Amino acid sequence: MENRKEELYSQAIPAGKRRYFFDVKETRGGDKFVTITESRKIFDTNTAEFYYDKTKIFLYKEDFEKFQKGLANAISFIETGVEPEPLVFDNDLHGMDGEHRDSMSDGFINDVDFKY
């Protein structure tokens, strides 16, 4: 039997062909987190049927402030065209010395491939 908890809070945001869901859930240890889901209705020409393509991210409380600041900066840039000051966090790659930053970049960031 699956031991899955229901959402503690859920809000759906309709946005044209997309719908965003903000769900608050709880870990087994009692920590709350947010899942943000983008759902898009897509027509499959092979089967002549619609299906929902969902993309989900999990946002944990230790990252709330960073996420909020990053989102606010991106929105501000879109609205004003002015690039905000870069955000620097304690565990940010930008805060590392050159050698560590380069080794982290070569081993992780540059290896990501977003092919669909």
PDB file of N, CA and C in Angstrom:
ATOM      1  N   MET A   1       0.833  -1.180   0.000  1.00  0.00           N
ATOM      2  CA  MET A   1       0.000   0.000   0.000  1.00  0.00           C
ATOM      3  C   MET A   1       0.875   1.240   0.000  1.00  0.00           C
ATOM      4  N   GLU A   2       0.576   2.168  -0.863  1.00  0.00           N
ATOM      5  CA  GLU A   2       1.359   3.381  -0.989  1.00  0.00           C
ATOM      6  C   GLU A   2       1.046   4.338   0.152  1.00  0.00           C
ATOM      7  N   ASN A   3       2.092   4.886   0.779  1.00  0.00           N
ATOM      8  CA  ASN A   3       1.933   5.818   1.885  1.00  0.00           C
ATOM      9  C   ASN A   3       2.155   7.239   1.364  1.00  0.00           C
ATOM     10  N   ARG A   4       1.202   7.757   0.598  1.00  0.00           N
ATOM     11  CA  ARG A   4       1.326   9.068  -0.023  1.00  0.00           C
ATOM     12  C   ARG A   4       0.434  10.058   0.683  1.00  0.00           C
ATOM     13  N   LYS A   5       1.009  11.198   1.041  1.00  0.00           N
ATOM     14  CA  LYS A   5       0.241  12.216   1.746  1.00  0.00           C
ATOM     15  C   LYS A   5      -0.449  13.143   0.750  1.00  0.00           C
ATOM     16  N   GLU A   6      -1.596  13.622   1.152  1.00  0.00           N
ATOM     17  CA  GLU A   6      -2.309  14.597   0.345  1.00  0.00           C
ATOM     18  C   GLU A   6      -1.626  15.950   0.459  1.00  0.00           C
ATOM     19  N   GLU A   7      -1.940  16.828  -0.469  1.00  0.00           N
ATOM     20  CA  GLU A   7      -1.408  18.177  -0.384  1.00  0.00           C
ATOM     21  C   GLU A   7      -1.989  18.875   0.843  1.00  0.00           C
ATOM     22  N   LEU A   8      -1.147  19.671   1.501  1.00  0.00           N
ATOM     23  CA  LEU A   8      -1.609  20.487   2.610  1.00  0.00           C
ATOM     24  C   LEU A   8      -2.296  21.739   2.081  1.00  0.00           C
ATOM     25  N   TYR A   9      -1.871  22.154   0.891  1.00  0.00           N
ATOM     26  CA  TYR A   9      -2.423  23.347   0.242  1.00  0.00           C
ATOM     27  C   TYR A   9      -2.192  23.181  -1.242  1.00  0.00           C
ATOM     28  N   SER A  10      -3.152  23.625  -2.046  1.00  0.00           N
ATOM     29  CA  SER A  10      -3.001  23.540  -3.491  1.00  0.00           C
ATOM     30  C   SER A  10      -3.700  24.712  -4.145  1.00  0.00           C
ATOM     31  N   GLN A  11      -3.026  25.279  -5.156  1.00  0.00           N
ATOM     32  CA  GLN A  11      -3.625  26.378  -5.914  1.00  0.00           C
ATOM     33  C   GLN A  11      -3.296  26.178  -7.383  1.00  0.00           C
ATOM     34  N   ALA A  12      -4.317  26.244  -8.228  1.00  0.00           N
ATOM     35  CA  ALA A  12      -4.145  26.135  -9.672  1.00  0.00           C
ATOM     36  C   ALA A  12      -4.274  27.522 -10.281  1.00  0.00           C
ATOM     37  N   ILE A  13      -3.357  27.826 -11.208  1.00  0.00           N
ATOM     38  CA  ILE A  13      -3.358  29.113 -11.887  1.00  0.00           C
ATOM     39  C   ILE A  13      -3.536  28.848 -13.381  1.00  0.00           C
ATOM     40  N   PRO A  14      -4.735  29.120 -13.937  1.00  0.00           N
ATOM     41  CA  PRO A  14      -4.908  28.952 -15.377  1.00  0.00           C
ATOM     42  C   PRO A  14      -4.185  30.072 -16.119  1.00  0.00           C
ATOM     43  N   ALA A  15      -3.470  29.703 -17.184  1.00  0.00           N
ATOM     44  CA  ALA A  15      -2.691  30.688 -17.936  1.00  0.00           C
ATOM     45  C   ALA A  15      -2.681  30.304 -19.411  1.00  0.00           C
ATOM     46  N   GLY A  16      -3.778  30.583 -20.098  1.00  0.00           N
ATOM     47  CA  GLY A  16      -3.859  30.250 -21.518  1.00  0.00           C
ATOM     48  C   GLY A  16      -3.844  28.752 -21.729  1.00  0.00           C
ATOM     49  N   LYS A  17      -2.888  28.275 -22.541  1.00  0.00           N
ATOM     50  CA  LYS A  17      -2.787  26.840 -22.815  1.00  0.00           C
ATOM     51  C   LYS A  17      -2.071  26.086 -21.702  1.00  0.00           C
ATOM     52  N   ARG A  18      -1.625  26.820 -20.707  1.00  0.00           N
ATOM     53  CA  ARG A  18      -0.904  26.201 -19.592  1.00  0.00           C
ATOM     54  C   ARG A  18      -1.713  26.354 -18.318  1.00  0.00           C
ATOM     55  N   ARG A  19      -1.362  25.544 -17.359  1.00  0.00           N
ATOM     56  CA  ARG A  19      -1.918  25.678 -16.014  1.00  0.00           C
ATOM     57  C   ARG A  19      -0.769  25.407 -15.056  1.00  0.00           C
ATOM     58  N   TYR A  20      -0.639  26.278 -14.074  1.00  0.00           N
ATOM     59  CA  TYR A  20       0.405  26.125 -13.061  1.00  0.00           C
ATOM     60  C   TYR A  20      -0.241  25.690 -11.760  1.00  0.00           C
ATOM     61  N   PHE A  21       0.419  24.775 -11.081  1.00  0.00           N
ATOM     62  CA  PHE A  21      -0.067  24.285  -9.794  1.00  0.00           C
ATOM     63  C   PHE A  21       1.003  24.544  -8.740  1.00  0.00           C
ATOM     64  N   PHE A  22       0.597  25.122  -7.634  1.00  0.00           N
ATOM     65  CA  PHE A  22       1.463  25.330  -6.478  1.00  0.00           C
ATOM     66  C   PHE A  22       0.906  24.460  -5.360  1.00  0.00           C
ATOM     67  N   ASP A  23       1.634  23.434  -4.991  1.00  0.00           N
ATOM     68  CA  ASP A  23       1.177  22.485  -3.983  1.00  0.00           C
ATOM     69  C   ASP A  23       2.158  22.457  -2.826  1.00  0.00           C
ATOM     70  N   VAL A  24       1.631  22.531  -1.616  1.00  0.00           N
ATOM     71  CA  VAL A  24       2.452  22.395  -0.417  1.00  0.00           C
ATOM     72  C   VAL A  24       2.267  20.974   0.097  1.00  0.00           C
ATOM     73  N   LYS A  25       3.378  20.293   0.298  1.00  0.00           N
ATOM     74  CA  LYS A  25       3.371  18.925   0.798  1.00  0.00           C
ATOM     75  C   LYS A  25       4.312  18.850   1.995  1.00  0.00           C
ATOM     76  N   GLU A  26       4.362  17.672   2.609  1.00  0.00           N
ATOM     77  CA  GLU A  26       5.192  17.499   3.795  1.00  0.00           C
ATOM     78  C   GLU A  26       6.000  16.216   3.665  1.00  0.00           C
ATOM     79  N   THR A  27       7.274  16.291   4.043  1.00  0.00           N
ATOM     80  CA  THR A  27       8.109  15.088   4.033  1.00  0.00           C
ATOM     81  C   THR A  27       7.740  14.208   5.219  1.00  0.00           C
ATOM     82  N   ARG A  28       8.224  12.992   5.211  1.00  0.00           N
ATOM     83  CA  ARG A  28       7.971  12.096   6.345  1.00  0.00           C
ATOM     84  C   ARG A  28       8.541  12.674   7.637  1.00  0.00           C
ATOM     85  N   GLY A  29       9.587  13.497   7.511  1.00  0.00           N
ATOM     86  CA  GLY A  29      10.205  14.121   8.670  1.00  0.00           C
ATOM     87  C   GLY A  29       9.475  15.375   9.142  1.00  0.00           C
ATOM     88  N   GLY A  30       8.400  15.747   8.451  1.00  0.00           N
ATOM     89  CA  GLY A  30       7.605  16.897   8.865  1.00  0.00           C
ATOM     90  C   GLY A  30       7.995  18.215   8.234  1.00  0.00           C
ATOM     91  N   ASP A  31       8.992  18.223   7.329  1.00  0.00           N
ATOM     92  CA  ASP A  31       9.377  19.459   6.656  1.00  0.00           C
ATOM     93  C   ASP A  31       8.437  19.721   5.480  1.00  0.00           C
ATOM     94  N   LYS A  32       8.003  20.943   5.364  1.00  0.00           N
ATOM     95  CA  LYS A  32       7.119  21.322   4.262  1.00  0.00           C
ATOM     96  C   LYS A  32       7.940  21.757   3.053  1.00  0.00           C
ATOM     97  N   PHE A  33       7.407  21.475   1.865  1.00  0.00           N
ATOM     98  CA  PHE A  33       8.043  21.903   0.626  1.00  0.00           C
ATOM     99  C   PHE A  33       6.963  22.228  -0.392  1.00  0.00           C
ATOM    100  N   VAL A  34       7.374  22.894  -1.459  1.00  0.00           N
ATOM    101  CA  VAL A  34       6.447  23.312  -2.515  1.00  0.00           C
ATOM    102  C   VAL A  34       6.788  22.548  -3.782  1.00  0.00           C
ATOM    103  N   THR A  35       5.771  22.062  -4.474  1.00  0.00           N
ATOM    104  CA  THR A  35       5.981  21.569  -5.833  1.00  0.00           C
ATOM    105  C   THR A  35       5.294  22.568  -6.759  1.00  0.00           C
ATOM    106  N   ILE A  36       6.003  22.927  -7.806  1.00  0.00           N
ATOM    107  CA  ILE A  36       5.458  23.825  -8.825  1.00  0.00           C
ATOM    108  C   ILE A  36       5.371  23.000 -10.094  1.00  0.00           C
ATOM    109  N   THR A  37       4.174  22.878 -10.637  1.00  0.00           N
ATOM    110  CA  THR A  37       3.951  22.058 -11.817  1.00  0.00           C
ATOM    111  C   THR A  37       3.387  22.909 -12.936  1.00  0.00           C
ATOM    112  N   GLU A  38       3.986  22.772 -14.116  1.00  0.00           N
ATOM    113  CA  GLU A  38       3.437  23.380 -15.318  1.00  0.00           C
ATOM    114  C   GLU A  38       2.793  22.248 -16.109  1.00  0.00           C
ATOM    115  N   SER A  39       1.528  22.400 -16.440  1.00  0.00           N
ATOM    116  CA  SER A  39       0.813  21.393 -17.200  1.00  0.00           C
ATOM    117  C   SER A  39       0.362  22.018 -18.521  1.00  0.00           C
ATOM    118  N   ARG A  40       0.710  21.340 -19.619  1.00  0.00           N
ATOM    119  CA  ARG A  40       0.319  21.832 -20.944  1.00  0.00           C
ATOM    120  C   ARG A  40      -0.467  20.753 -21.676  1.00  0.00           C
ATOM    121  N   LYS A  41      -1.576  21.139 -22.253  1.00  0.00           N
ATOM    122  CA  LYS A  41      -2.386  20.214 -23.049  1.00  0.00           C
ATOM    123  C   LYS A  41      -1.816  20.194 -24.460  1.00  0.00           C
ATOM    124  N   ILE A  42      -1.459  18.991 -24.920  1.00  0.00           N
ATOM    125  CA  ILE A  42      -0.809  18.844 -26.223  1.00  0.00           C
ATOM    126  C   ILE A  42      -1.565  17.811 -27.055  1.00  0.00           C
ATOM    127  N   PHE A  43      -1.675  18.108 -28.326  1.00  0.00           N
ATOM    128  CA  PHE A  43      -2.331  17.179 -29.251  1.00  0.00           C
ATOM    129  C   PHE A  43      -1.281  16.294 -29.891  1.00  0.00           C
ATOM    130  N   ASP A  44      -1.451  14.995 -29.766  1.00  0.00           N
ATOM    131  CA  ASP A  44      -0.544  14.020 -30.374  1.00  0.00           C
ATOM    132  C   ASP A  44      -1.091  13.668 -31.752  1.00  0.00           C
ATOM    133  N   THR A  45      -0.376  14.074 -32.792  1.00  0.00           N
ATOM    134  CA  THR A  45      -0.852  13.833 -34.161  1.00  0.00           C
ATOM    135  C   THR A  45      -0.812  12.349 -34.531  1.00  0.00           C
ATOM    136  N   ASN A  46       0.034  11.565 -33.860  1.00  0.00           N
ATOM    137  CA  ASN A  46       0.115  10.126 -34.149  1.00  0.00           C
ATOM    138  C   ASN A  46      -1.111   9.374 -33.656  1.00  0.00           C
ATOM    139  N   THR A  47      -1.606   9.751 -32.477  1.00  0.00           N
ATOM    140  CA  THR A  47      -2.751   9.044 -31.894  1.00  0.00           C
ATOM    141  C   THR A  47      -4.053   9.828 -32.042  1.00  0.00           C
ATOM    142  N   ALA A  48      -3.948  11.075 -32.498  1.00  0.00           N
ATOM    143  CA  ALA A  48      -5.100  11.969 -32.638  1.00  0.00           C
ATOM    144  C   ALA A  48      -5.821  12.170 -31.300  1.00  0.00           C
ATOM    145  N   GLU A  49      -5.020  12.211 -30.222  1.00  0.00           N
ATOM    146  CA  GLU A  49      -5.574  12.426 -28.886  1.00  0.00           C
ATOM    147  C   GLU A  49      -4.767  13.497 -28.153  1.00  0.00           C
ATOM    148  N   PHE A  50      -5.414  14.118 -27.185  1.00  0.00           N
ATOM    149  CA  PHE A  50      -4.742  15.085 -26.342  1.00  0.00           C
ATOM    150  C   PHE A  50      -4.115  14.379 -25.146  1.00  0.00           C
ATOM    151  N   TYR A  51      -3.025  14.925 -24.670  1.00  0.00           N
ATOM    152  CA  TYR A  51      -2.414  14.453 -23.432  1.00  0.00           C
ATOM    153  C   TYR A  51      -1.845  15.666 -22.704  1.00  0.00           C
ATOM    154  N   TYR A  52      -1.508  15.486 -21.454  1.00  0.00           N
ATOM    155  CA  TYR A  52      -0.953  16.573 -20.653  1.00  0.00           C
ATOM    156  C   TYR A  52       0.529  16.330 -20.418  1.00  0.00           C
ATOM    157  N   ASP A  53       1.328  17.294 -20.819  1.00  0.00           N
ATOM    158  CA  ASP A  53       2.762  17.267 -20.573  1.00  0.00           C
ATOM    159  C   ASP A  53       2.998  18.057 -19.297  1.00  0.00           C
ATOM    160  N   LYS A  54       3.599  17.419 -18.295  1.00  0.00           N
ATOM    161  CA  LYS A  54       3.797  18.071 -17.002  1.00  0.00           C
ATOM    162  C   LYS A  54       5.278  18.177 -16.683  1.00  0.00           C
ATOM    163  N   THR A  55       5.653  19.337 -16.193  1.00  0.00           N
ATOM    164  CA  THR A  55       7.003  19.589 -15.723  1.00  0.00           C
ATOM    165  C   THR A  55       6.889  20.019 -14.273  1.00  0.00           C
ATOM    166  N   LYS A  56       7.675  19.395 -13.421  1.00  0.00           N
ATOM    167  CA  LYS A  56       7.536  19.648 -11.987  1.00  0.00           C
ATOM    168  C   LYS A  56       8.893  19.955 -11.378  1.00  0.00           C
ATOM    169  N   ILE A  57       8.907  20.935 -10.471  1.00  0.00           N
ATOM    170  CA  ILE A  57      10.094  21.189  -9.672  1.00  0.00           C
ATOM    171  C   ILE A  57       9.706  21.119  -8.202  1.00  0.00           C
ATOM    172  N   PHE A  58      10.657  20.742  -7.387  1.00  0.00           N
ATOM    173  CA  PHE A  58      10.459  20.667  -5.947  1.00  0.00           C
ATOM    174  C   PHE A  58      11.284  21.771  -5.314  1.00  0.00           C
ATOM    175  N   LEU A  59      10.649  22.570  -4.497  1.00  0.00           N
ATOM    176  CA  LEU A  59      11.315  23.694  -3.861  1.00  0.00           C
ATOM    177  C   LEU A  59      11.256  23.514  -2.352  1.00  0.00           C
ATOM    178  N   TYR A  60      12.438  23.340  -1.756  1.00  0.00           N
ATOM    179  CA  TYR A  60      12.523  23.093  -0.320  1.00  0.00           C
ATOM    180  C   TYR A  60      12.787  24.388   0.432  1.00  0.00           C
ATOM    181  N   LYS A  61      12.373  24.431   1.699  1.00  0.00           N
ATOM    182  CA  LYS A  61      12.371  25.681   2.452  1.00  0.00           C
ATOM    183  C   LYS A  61      13.735  26.336   2.534  1.00  0.00           C
ATOM    184  N   GLU A  62      14.809  25.564   2.517  1.00  0.00           N
ATOM    185  CA  GLU A  62      16.130  26.178   2.582  1.00  0.00           C
ATOM    186  C   GLU A  62      16.472  26.962   1.309  1.00  0.00           C
ATOM    187  N   ASP A  63      15.689  26.750   0.251  1.00  0.00           N
ATOM    188  CA  ASP A  63      15.924  27.452  -1.010  1.00  0.00           C
ATOM    189  C   ASP A  63      14.877  28.528  -1.317  1.00  0.00           C
ATOM    190  N   PHE A  64      13.876  28.695  -0.452  1.00  0.00           N
ATOM    191  CA  PHE A  64      12.800  29.656  -0.716  1.00  0.00           C
ATOM    192  C   PHE A  64      13.332  31.048  -1.008  1.00  0.00           C
ATOM    193  N   GLU A  65      14.214  31.567  -0.148  1.00  0.00           N
ATOM    194  CA  GLU A  65      14.701  32.939  -0.299  1.00  0.00           C
ATOM    195  C   GLU A  65      15.476  33.111  -1.608  1.00  0.00           C
ATOM    196  N   LYS A  66      16.339  32.153  -1.926  1.00  0.00           N
ATOM    197  CA  LYS A  66      17.125  32.221  -3.160  1.00  0.00           C
ATOM    198  C   LYS A  66      16.219  32.199  -4.383  1.00  0.00           C
ATOM    199  N   PHE A  67      15.268  31.289  -4.369  1.00  0.00           N
ATOM    200  CA  PHE A  67      14.331  31.161  -5.480  1.00  0.00           C
ATOM    201  C   PHE A  67      13.533  32.453  -5.650  1.00  0.00           C
ATOM    202  N   GLN A  68      13.027  32.989  -4.552  1.00  0.00           N
ATOM    203  CA  GLN A  68      12.221  34.199  -4.578  1.00  0.00           C
ATOM    204  C   GLN A  68      13.023  35.381  -5.121  1.00  0.00           C
ATOM    205  N   LYS A  69      14.266  35.526  -4.676  1.00  0.00           N
ATOM    206  CA  LYS A  69      15.105  36.629  -5.164  1.00  0.00           C
ATOM    207  C   LYS A  69      15.433  36.462  -6.645  1.00  0.00           C
ATOM    208  N   GLY A  70      15.747  35.239  -7.040  1.00  0.00           N
ATOM    209  CA  GLY A  70      16.046  34.985  -8.453  1.00  0.00           C
ATOM    210  C   GLY A  70      14.852  35.263  -9.341  1.00  0.00           C
ATOM    211  N   LEU A  71      13.673  34.824  -8.920  1.00  0.00           N
ATOM    212  CA  LEU A  71      12.454  35.077  -9.691  1.00  0.00           C
ATOM    213  C   LEU A  71      12.158  36.571  -9.747  1.00  0.00           C
ATOM    214  N   ALA A  72      12.297  37.264  -8.614  1.00  0.00           N
ATOM    215  CA  ALA A  72      12.054  38.707  -8.572  1.00  0.00           C
ATOM    216  C   ALA A  72      13.012  39.452  -9.506  1.00  0.00           C
ATOM    217  N   ASN A  73      14.276  39.038  -9.548  1.00  0.00           N
ATOM    218  CA  ASN A  73      15.236  39.668 -10.448  1.00  0.00           C
ATOM    219  C   ASN A  73      14.874  39.436 -11.913  1.00  0.00           C
ATOM    220  N   ALA A  74      14.472  38.222 -12.250  1.00  0.00           N
ATOM    221  CA  ALA A  74      14.093  37.919 -13.631  1.00  0.00           C
ATOM    222  C   ALA A  74      12.874  38.738 -14.050  1.00  0.00           C
ATOM    223  N   ILE A  75      11.877  38.827 -13.175  1.00  0.00           N
ATOM    224  CA  ILE A  75      10.676  39.608 -13.477  1.00  0.00           C
ATOM    225  C   ILE A  75      11.019  41.089 -13.590  1.00  0.00           C
ATOM    226  N   SER A  76      11.853  41.579 -12.695  1.00  0.00           N
ATOM    227  CA  SER A  76      12.273  42.980 -12.743  1.00  0.00           C
ATOM    228  C   SER A  76      12.974  43.294 -14.058  1.00  0.00           C
ATOM    229  N   PHE A  77      13.856  42.393 -14.507  1.00  0.00           N
ATOM    230  CA  PHE A  77      14.546  42.602 -15.772  1.00  0.00           C
ATOM    231  C   PHE A  77      13.562  42.665 -16.940  1.00  0.00           C
ATOM    232  N   ILE A  78      12.588  41.770 -16.938  1.00  0.00           N
ATOM    233  CA  ILE A  78      11.584  41.774 -18.014  1.00  0.00           C
ATOM    234  C   ILE A  78      10.802  43.078 -18.012  1.00  0.00           C
ATOM    235  N   GLU A  79      10.412  43.542 -16.829  1.00  0.00           N
ATOM    236  CA  GLU A  79       9.593  44.750 -16.721  1.00  0.00           C
ATOM    237  C   GLU A  79      10.370  46.033 -16.997  1.00  0.00           C
ATOM    238  N   THR A  80      11.655  46.097 -16.618  1.00  0.00           N
ATOM    239  CA  THR A  80      12.406  47.342 -16.723  1.00  0.00           C
ATOM    240  C   THR A  80      13.481  47.330 -17.790  1.00  0.00           C
ATOM    241  N   GLY A  81      13.953  46.148 -18.183  1.00  0.00           N
ATOM    242  CA  GLY A  81      15.062  46.054 -19.119  1.00  0.00           C
ATOM    243  C   GLY A  81      16.403  46.326 -18.465  1.00  0.00           C
ATOM    244  N   VAL A  82      16.405  46.597 -17.167  1.00  0.00           N
ATOM    245  CA  VAL A  82      17.635  46.875 -16.431  1.00  0.00           C
ATOM    246  C   VAL A  82      18.095  45.599 -15.742  1.00  0.00           C
ATOM    247  N   GLU A  83      19.350  45.224 -16.011  1.00  0.00           N
ATOM    248  CA  GLU A  83      19.870  44.009 -15.407  1.00  0.00           C
ATOM    249  C   GLU A  83      20.157  44.249 -13.926  1.00  0.00           C
ATOM    250  N   PRO A  84      19.551  43.447 -13.043  1.00  0.00           N
ATOM    251  CA  PRO A  84      19.781  43.630 -11.607  1.00  0.00           C
ATOM    252  C   PRO A  84      21.176  43.173 -11.205  1.00  0.00           C
ATOM    253  N   GLU A  85      21.587  43.590 -10.028  1.00  0.00           N
ATOM    254  CA  GLU A  85      22.864  43.124  -9.480  1.00  0.00           C
ATOM    255  C   GLU A  85      22.807  41.605  -9.346  1.00  0.00           C
ATOM    256  N   PRO A  86      23.890  40.920  -9.684  1.00  0.00           N
ATOM    257  CA  PRO A  86      23.873  39.457  -9.536  1.00  0.00           C
ATOM    258  C   PRO A  86      23.727  39.063  -8.070  1.00  0.00           C
ATOM    259  N   LEU A  87      23.006  37.995  -7.846  1.00  0.00           N
ATOM    260  CA  LEU A  87      22.841  37.474  -6.489  1.00  0.00           C
ATOM    261  C   LEU A  87      24.021  36.575  -6.160  1.00  0.00           C
ATOM    262  N   VAL A  88      24.548  36.711  -4.978  1.00  0.00           N
ATOM    263  CA  VAL A  88      25.650  35.863  -4.523  1.00  0.00           C
ATOM    264  C   VAL A  88      25.229  35.245  -3.207  1.00  0.00           C
ATOM    265  N   PHE A  89      25.343  33.934  -3.127  1.00  0.00           N
ATOM    266  CA  PHE A  89      24.970  33.199  -1.931  1.00  0.00           C
ATOM    267  C   PHE A  89      26.191  32.471  -1.399  1.00  0.00           C
ATOM    268  N   ASP A  90      26.140  32.055  -0.165  1.00  0.00           N
ATOM    269  CA  ASP A  90      27.272  31.409   0.488  1.00  0.00           C
ATOM    270  C   ASP A  90      27.803  30.221  -0.296  1.00  0.00           C
ATOM    271  N   ASN A  91      26.914  29.399  -0.832  1.00  0.00           N
ATOM    272  CA  ASN A  91      27.353  28.196  -1.533  1.00  0.00           C
ATOM    273  C   ASN A  91      27.288  28.365  -3.054  1.00  0.00           C
ATOM    274  N   ASP A  92      27.350  29.601  -3.513  1.00  0.00           N
ATOM    275  CA  ASP A  92      27.258  29.909  -4.938  1.00  0.00           C
ATOM    276  C   ASP A  92      28.596  29.623  -5.619  1.00  0.00           C
ATOM    277  N   LEU A  93      28.579  29.134  -6.852  1.00  0.00           N
ATOM    278  CA  LEU A  93      29.806  28.913  -7.614  1.00  0.00           C
ATOM    279  C   LEU A  93      30.586  30.203  -7.799  1.00  0.00           C
ATOM    280  N   HIS A  94      29.878  31.351  -7.908  1.00  0.00           N
ATOM    281  CA  HIS A  94      30.557  32.620  -8.116  1.00  0.00           C
ATOM    282  C   HIS A  94      31.407  32.991  -6.910  1.00  0.00           C
ATOM    283  N   GLY A  95      31.073  32.486  -5.740  1.00  0.00           N
ATOM    284  CA  GLY A  95      31.816  32.785  -4.530  1.00  0.00           C
ATOM    285  C   GLY A  95      33.044  31.915  -4.356  1.00  0.00           C
ATOM    286  N   MET A  96      33.222  30.904  -5.211  1.00  0.00           N
ATOM    287  CA  MET A  96      34.376  30.011  -5.105  1.00  0.00           C
ATOM    288  C   MET A  96      35.573  30.640  -5.786  1.00  0.00           C
ATOM    289  N   ASP A  97      36.767  30.195  -5.377  1.00  0.00           N
ATOM    290  CA  ASP A  97      37.939  30.665  -6.101  1.00  0.00           C
ATOM    291  C   ASP A  97      37.907  30.059  -7.496  1.00  0.00           C
ATOM    292  N   GLY A  98      38.682  30.611  -8.408  1.00  0.00           N
ATOM    293  CA  GLY A  98      38.643  30.233  -9.812  1.00  0.00           C
ATOM    294  C   GLY A  98      38.817  28.755 -10.071  1.00  0.00           C
ATOM    295  N   GLU A  99      39.779  28.130  -9.377  1.00  0.00           N
ATOM    296  CA  GLU A  99      40.049  26.712  -9.602  1.00  0.00           C
ATOM    297  C   GLU A  99      38.854  25.842  -9.232  1.00  0.00           C
ATOM    298  N   HIS A 100      38.238  26.077  -8.061  1.00  0.00           N
ATOM    299  CA  HIS A 100      37.090  25.284  -7.645  1.00  0.00           C
ATOM    300  C   HIS A 100      35.882  25.547  -8.535  1.00  0.00           C
ATOM    301  N   ARG A 101      35.662  26.798  -8.886  1.00  0.00           N
ATOM    302  CA  ARG A 101      34.524  27.146  -9.736  1.00  0.00           C
ATOM    303  C   ARG A 101      34.661  26.449 -11.086  1.00  0.00           C
ATOM    304  N   ASP A 102      35.888  26.482 -11.668  1.00  0.00           N
ATOM    305  CA  ASP A 102      36.101  25.857 -12.966  1.00  0.00           C
ATOM    306  C   ASP A 102      35.914  24.347 -12.904  1.00  0.00           C
ATOM    307  N   SER A 103      36.378  23.721 -11.826  1.00  0.00           N
ATOM    308  CA  SER A 103      36.228  22.270 -11.726  1.00  0.00           C
ATOM    309  C   SER A 103      34.760  21.891 -11.546  1.00  0.00           C
ATOM    310  N   MET A 104      34.006  22.688 -10.795  1.00  0.00           N
ATOM    311  CA  MET A 104      32.574  22.418 -10.637  1.00  0.00           C
ATOM    312  C   MET A 104      31.865  22.609 -11.970  1.00  0.00           C
ATOM    313  N   SER A 105      32.212  23.653 -12.700  1.00  0.00           N
ATOM    314  CA  SER A 105      31.559  23.927 -13.975  1.00  0.00           C
ATOM    315  C   SER A 105      31.840  22.820 -14.973  1.00  0.00           C
ATOM    316  N   ASP A 106      33.114  22.391 -15.053  1.00  0.00           N
ATOM    317  CA  ASP A 106      33.464  21.357 -16.017  1.00  0.00           C
ATOM    318  C   ASP A 106      32.806  20.033 -15.681  1.00  0.00           C
ATOM    319  N   GLY A 107      32.617  19.753 -14.396  1.00  0.00           N
ATOM    320  CA  GLY A 107      32.087  18.472 -13.995  1.00  0.00           C
ATOM    321  C   GLY A 107      30.583  18.417 -13.914  1.00  0.00           C
ATOM    322  N   PHE A 108      29.922  19.545 -13.998  1.00  0.00           N
ATOM    323  CA  PHE A 108      28.472  19.501 -13.814  1.00  0.00           C
ATOM    324  C   PHE A 108      27.747  20.392 -14.792  1.00  0.00           C
ATOM    325  N   ILE A 109      27.899  21.666 -14.661  1.00  0.00           N
ATOM    326  CA  ILE A 109      27.070  22.608 -15.412  1.00  0.00           C
ATOM    327  C   ILE A 109      27.250  22.443 -16.912  1.00  0.00           C
ATOM    328  N   ASN A 110      28.476  22.306 -17.377  1.00  0.00           N
ATOM    329  CA  ASN A 110      28.709  22.210 -18.816  1.00  0.00           C
ATOM    330  C   ASN A 110      28.295  20.870 -19.393  1.00  0.00           C
ATOM    331  N   ASP A 111      28.034  19.873 -18.537  1.00  0.00           N
ATOM    332  CA  ASP A 111      27.640  18.559 -19.031  1.00  0.00           C
ATOM    333  C   ASP A 111      26.138  18.395 -19.182  1.00  0.00           C
ATOM    334  N   VAL A 112      25.362  19.404 -18.799  1.00  0.00           N
ATOM    335  CA  VAL A 112      23.920  19.295 -18.871  1.00  0.00           C
ATOM    336  C   VAL A 112      23.480  19.473 -20.323  1.00  0.00           C
ATOM    337  N   ASP A 113      22.638  18.585 -20.787  1.00  0.00           N
ATOM    338  CA  ASP A 113      22.138  18.629 -22.152  1.00  0.00           C
ATOM    339  C   ASP A 113      20.627  18.645 -22.111  1.00  0.00           C
ATOM    340  N   PHE A 114      20.016  19.710 -22.622  1.00  0.00           N
ATOM    341  CA  PHE A 114      18.582  19.878 -22.556  1.00  0.00           C
ATOM    342  C   PHE A 114      17.912  19.571 -23.884  1.00  0.00           C
ATOM    343  N   LYS A 115      18.226  18.476 -24.505  1.00  0.00           N
ATOM    344  CA  LYS A 115      17.580  18.080 -25.760  1.00  0.00           C
ATOM    345  C   LYS A 115      16.207  17.530 -25.465  1.00  0.00           C
ATOM    346  N   TYR A 116      15.280  17.829 -26.324  1.00  0.00           N
ATOM    347  CA  TYR A 116      13.906  17.352 -26.150  1.00  0.00           C
ATOM    348  C   TYR A 116      13.602  16.253 -27.105  1.00  0.00           C
TER     349      TYR A 116
END
